[in-house]
């Protein structure tokens, strides 16, 4: 990015920000993929690993993005992944109150839906939703309201037991959601192999205190193989 001062007066200065041109975001990239989509190795080894590396950098510097979605993940012509749209990004501390209405609904973590305190785990939840959606070629949870979104989440991960999974600061009204158990990840993402499904489970955890960190996700056995480059035909 370049910063250019285009004009100046006694009272103000006009600044122009010049950004790198990138042809497409992840949504465009997926829309261009012929059925059944790009190979699993492309998603796993190239896109997911780069994305998690960028997210690990943010979180290591106490920065939470708060609006991760397909449209905010950019892909350059040589296959580089870049995070974009930092309009809702905040530097946080655990004592700091953050605004409750953030993150596009379909990628919103349970603690945000329930208007609890939150930090970097909200980004990890979004990552889990994004990459499950890449394998499925459609969003993982498509709620039309906060209550409906929560219900769809519980359809997959189950309604958490009070004594173990619900943090003290989260209020989950008794009877608001019908009891149900968790379902296998492969029931909604059939093409995902077991290591990938296990990583998904560690990302899509109701209790943010038990959720995997970005740097731990990068060390997961799912990412141990050699990285595969994004096919140039995708561009």
Protein backbone atom coordinates (compact mmCIF):
# COMPACT_ATOMS: atom_id res chain seq x y z
CA UNK A 1 0.00 0.00 0.00
CA UNK A 2 1.18 3.53 -0.83
CA UNK A 3 0.03 6.68 0.94
CA UNK A 4 -0.11 9.81 -1.21
CA UNK A 5 -0.82 13.34 0.02
CA UNK A 6 -2.74 14.75 -2.95
CA UNK A 7 -3.44 18.28 -1.71
CA UNK A 8 -3.03 20.38 1.38
CA UNK A 9 -4.59 23.51 2.83
CA UNK A 10 -4.19 25.38 6.08
CA UNK A 11 -7.04 23.40 7.59
CA UNK A 12 -6.69 19.86 6.28
CA UNK A 13 -4.76 17.45 4.12
CA UNK A 14 -6.22 15.01 1.61
CA UNK A 15 -4.68 11.56 1.63
CA UNK A 16 -5.10 8.90 -1.05
CA UNK A 17 -4.45 5.24 -0.27
CA UNK A 18 -3.24 3.18 -3.24
CA UNK A 19 -3.69 -0.56 -2.78
CA UNK A 20 -2.34 -3.52 -4.71
CA UNK A 21 -4.75 -4.69 -7.42
CA UNK A 22 -5.99 -8.23 -6.82
CA UNK A 23 -8.29 -9.83 -9.36
CA UNK A 24 -10.54 -11.93 -7.17
CA UNK A 25 -11.72 -12.89 -3.73
CA UNK A 26 -12.38 -16.39 -2.51
CA UNK A 27 -16.06 -16.29 -3.46
CA UNK A 28 -15.18 -15.44 -7.09
CA UNK A 29 -12.51 -18.13 -7.06
CA UNK A 30 -14.99 -20.78 -5.92
CA UNK A 31 -17.67 -19.64 -8.36
CA UNK A 32 -15.23 -20.17 -11.23
CA UNK A 33 -14.42 -23.73 -10.19
CA UNK A 34 -16.17 -26.37 -12.32
CA UNK A 35 -18.03 -29.12 -10.41
CA UNK A 36 -17.09 -30.78 -8.13
CA UNK A 37 -14.74 -27.88 -7.35
CA UNK A 38 -10.99 -27.65 -6.83
CA UNK A 39 -9.06 -30.64 -5.44
CA UNK A 40 -9.10 -31.19 -1.70
CA UNK A 41 -5.31 -30.81 -1.66
CA UNK A 42 -5.59 -27.30 -3.09
CA UNK A 43 -7.97 -26.21 -0.35
CA UNK A 44 -6.10 -27.96 2.42
CA UNK A 45 -2.46 -27.35 1.64
CA UNK A 46 -2.43 -24.01 -0.12
CA UNK A 47 -5.44 -21.93 0.82
CA UNK A 48 -6.05 -23.06 4.37
CA UNK A 49 -2.40 -23.03 5.43
CA UNK A 50 -1.77 -19.53 4.07
CA UNK A 51 -4.98 -18.23 5.58
CA UNK A 52 -4.14 -19.64 9.02
CA UNK A 53 -0.61 -18.20 8.81
CA UNK A 54 -2.02 -14.71 8.27
CA UNK A 55 -4.52 -15.18 11.06
CA UNK A 56 -1.82 -16.42 13.42
CA UNK A 57 0.14 -13.20 12.76
CA UNK A 58 -2.89 -11.07 13.64
CA UNK A 59 -3.70 -13.00 16.80
CA UNK A 60 -0.07 -13.03 17.96
CA UNK A 61 -0.28 -9.23 17.89
CA UNK A 62 -3.58 -9.14 19.82
CA UNK A 63 -5.60 -8.23 16.72
CA UNK A 64 -9.02 -9.75 16.07
CA UNK A 65 -10.36 -9.36 12.52
CA UNK A 66 -14.07 -9.79 13.41
CA UNK A 67 -15.41 -10.07 9.84
CA UNK A 68 -13.85 -13.06 8.12
CA UNK A 69 -15.84 -14.34 5.14
CA UNK A 70 -15.26 -15.42 1.54
CA UNK A 71 -15.40 -11.85 0.24
CA UNK A 72 -12.60 -10.73 2.59
CA UNK A 73 -10.08 -13.37 1.51
CA UNK A 74 -8.22 -12.30 -1.63
CA UNK A 75 -6.23 -14.44 -4.08
CA UNK A 76 -3.49 -13.01 -6.28
CA UNK A 77 -2.73 -14.26 -9.79
CA UNK A 78 0.20 -16.32 -8.45
CA UNK A 79 -1.87 -17.98 -5.73
CA UNK A 80 -1.02 -15.81 -2.73
CA UNK A 81 -3.72 -15.50 -0.07
CA UNK A 82 -4.31 -12.08 1.51
CA UNK A 83 -6.72 -11.01 4.24
CA UNK A 84 -8.70 -7.86 3.51
CA UNK A 85 -11.29 -5.44 4.90
CA UNK A 86 -9.98 -4.49 8.32
CA UNK A 87 -12.82 -2.06 8.97
CA UNK A 88 -14.04 -4.01 12.02
CA UNK A 89 -10.60 -5.08 13.21
CA UNK A 90 -9.66 -4.24 16.79
CA UNK A 91 -6.64 -4.51 19.04
CA UNK A 92 -8.02 -6.21 22.12
CA UNK A 93 -7.28 -7.16 25.69
CA UNK A 94 -9.25 -9.54 27.86
CA UNK A 95 -10.47 -6.61 29.94
CA UNK A 96 -11.73 -4.69 26.93
CA UNK A 97 -15.40 -4.66 25.96
CA UNK A 98 -15.98 -5.13 22.22
CA UNK A 99 -19.14 -4.30 20.28
CA UNK A 100 -21.61 -7.22 20.15
CA UNK A 101 -22.81 -6.94 16.53
CA UNK A 102 -19.86 -8.01 14.39
CA UNK A 103 -19.13 -10.74 11.84
CA UNK A 104 -21.48 -11.58 8.99
CA UNK A 105 -24.30 -13.74 10.40
CA UNK A 106 -23.40 -17.02 8.67
CA UNK A 107 -19.84 -16.90 10.06
CA UNK A 108 -20.73 -15.62 13.53
CA UNK A 109 -19.48 -17.56 16.57
CA UNK A 110 -21.89 -18.67 19.33
CA UNK A 111 -20.46 -16.22 21.87
CA UNK A 112 -21.24 -13.35 19.50
CA UNK A 113 -24.73 -14.69 18.75
CA UNK A 114 -25.37 -14.90 22.50
CA UNK A 115 -23.92 -11.40 23.03
CA UNK A 116 -21.15 -12.60 25.32
CA UNK A 117 -17.58 -11.34 25.62
CA UNK A 118 -15.29 -12.53 22.85
CA UNK A 119 -11.75 -12.37 21.46
CA UNK A 120 -9.69 -14.15 18.79
CA UNK A 121 -11.73 -17.41 18.89
CA UNK A 122 -14.47 -15.65 16.88
CA UNK A 123 -12.03 -15.61 13.94
CA UNK A 124 -11.23 -19.31 14.34
CA UNK A 125 -14.94 -20.12 14.28
CA UNK A 126 -15.28 -18.14 11.04
CA UNK A 127 -12.36 -20.09 9.55
CA UNK A 128 -14.11 -23.36 10.35
CA UNK A 129 -17.28 -22.15 8.64
CA UNK A 130 -15.38 -20.84 5.61
CA UNK A 131 -13.42 -24.00 4.89
CA UNK A 132 -16.31 -26.37 5.51
CA UNK A 133 -18.19 -24.21 3.01
CA UNK A 134 -15.35 -24.54 0.50
CA UNK A 135 -15.59 -28.32 0.60
CA UNK A 136 -19.39 -28.19 0.40
CA UNK A 137 -19.47 -25.41 -2.22
CA UNK A 138 -22.14 -23.72 -0.11
CA UNK A 139 -22.20 -22.09 3.36
CA UNK A 140 -22.16 -24.37 6.39
CA UNK A 141 -24.76 -22.49 8.47
CA UNK A 142 -27.35 -20.36 6.63
CA UNK A 143 -29.50 -18.85 9.37
CA UNK A 144 -31.95 -16.04 8.70
CA UNK A 145 -31.78 -14.62 12.24
CA UNK A 146 -29.52 -14.94 15.28
CA UNK A 147 -31.84 -17.52 16.85
CA UNK A 148 -32.09 -19.52 13.61
CA UNK A 149 -28.32 -19.36 13.14
CA UNK A 150 -27.78 -20.67 16.68
CA UNK A 151 -30.28 -23.48 16.06
CA UNK A 152 -28.46 -24.55 12.88
CA UNK A 153 -25.16 -24.55 14.76
CA UNK A 154 -26.60 -26.78 17.49
CA UNK A 155 -27.91 -29.14 14.79
CA UNK A 156 -24.25 -29.93 14.02
CA UNK A 157 -22.31 -29.53 17.27
CA UNK A 158 -25.16 -30.44 19.62
CA UNK A 159 -26.58 -28.45 22.51
CA UNK A 160 -23.74 -28.16 25.05
CA UNK A 161 -24.18 -29.54 28.57
CA UNK A 162 -24.29 -26.78 31.17
CA UNK A 163 -21.65 -28.21 33.45
CA UNK A 164 -18.91 -28.45 30.87
CA UNK A 165 -19.27 -26.44 27.69
CA UNK A 166 -21.01 -23.20 28.60
CA UNK A 167 -18.64 -20.46 29.86
CA UNK A 168 -19.83 -18.58 32.94
CA UNK A 169 -20.19 -15.33 31.02
CA UNK A 170 -22.53 -16.91 28.43
CA UNK A 171 -26.25 -16.96 29.12
CA UNK A 172 -28.11 -19.73 27.31
CA UNK A 173 -31.78 -19.67 28.28
CA UNK A 174 -33.09 -23.06 29.33
CA UNK A 175 -35.68 -24.33 26.89
CA UNK A 176 -34.70 -21.86 24.17
CA UNK A 177 -33.28 -24.73 22.09
CA UNK A 178 -34.30 -28.37 22.01
CA UNK A 179 -31.75 -30.88 23.36
CA UNK A 180 -29.74 -32.70 20.72
CA UNK A 181 -26.41 -34.44 20.36
CA UNK A 182 -23.51 -33.68 18.00
CA UNK A 183 -23.35 -35.06 14.47
CA UNK A 184 -20.23 -36.23 12.59
CA UNK A 185 -18.63 -33.50 10.48
CA UNK A 186 -18.75 -35.86 7.50
CA UNK A 187 -22.55 -35.78 7.66
CA UNK A 188 -22.40 -32.24 6.26
CA UNK A 189 -18.97 -32.38 4.55
CA UNK A 190 -18.77 -35.93 3.12
CA UNK A 191 -15.54 -35.36 1.15
CA UNK A 192 -13.53 -34.33 4.22
CA UNK A 193 -11.17 -37.02 5.48
CA UNK A 194 -10.83 -37.83 9.19
CA UNK A 195 -7.87 -35.51 10.07
CA UNK A 196 -9.69 -32.60 8.45
CA UNK A 197 -12.91 -33.47 10.25
CA UNK A 198 -11.05 -33.55 13.56
CA UNK A 199 -9.58 -30.11 12.90
CA UNK A 200 -13.04 -28.81 12.04
CA UNK A 201 -14.33 -30.08 15.39
CA UNK A 202 -11.53 -28.24 17.18
CA UNK A 203 -12.48 -25.01 15.41
CA UNK A 204 -16.25 -25.32 15.77
CA UNK A 205 -16.32 -25.55 19.57
CA UNK A 206 -19.08 -23.86 21.55
CA UNK A 207 -16.80 -22.96 24.44
CA UNK A 208 -14.17 -20.53 23.06
CA UNK A 209 -11.80 -21.42 25.92
CA UNK A 210 -11.53 -24.94 24.45
CA UNK A 211 -11.06 -23.86 20.84
CA UNK A 212 -7.84 -24.48 18.93
CA UNK A 213 -5.49 -21.53 18.33
CA UNK A 214 -4.37 -20.56 14.82
CA UNK A 215 -0.75 -21.57 15.46
CA UNK A 216 -1.89 -24.95 16.82
CA UNK A 217 -4.09 -25.46 13.77
CA UNK A 218 -1.04 -24.90 11.56
CA UNK A 219 0.78 -27.68 13.45
CA UNK A 220 -2.15 -30.09 13.09
CA UNK A 221 -1.47 -33.41 11.35
CA UNK A 222 -3.90 -32.32 8.64
CA UNK A 223 -1.27 -29.87 7.36
CA UNK A 224 1.81 -32.07 7.57
CA UNK A 225 2.07 -32.97 3.88
CA UNK A 226 3.92 -30.89 1.31
CA UNK A 227 2.01 -27.83 0.17
CA UNK A 228 0.26 -28.05 -3.21
CA UNK A 229 0.12 -24.96 -5.40
CA UNK A 230 -3.19 -23.49 -6.54
CA UNK A 231 -3.81 -24.49 -10.19
CA UNK A 232 -3.10 -21.58 -12.53
CA UNK A 233 -6.26 -22.44 -14.46
CA UNK A 234 -8.13 -20.96 -11.50
CA UNK A 235 -6.98 -17.51 -12.53
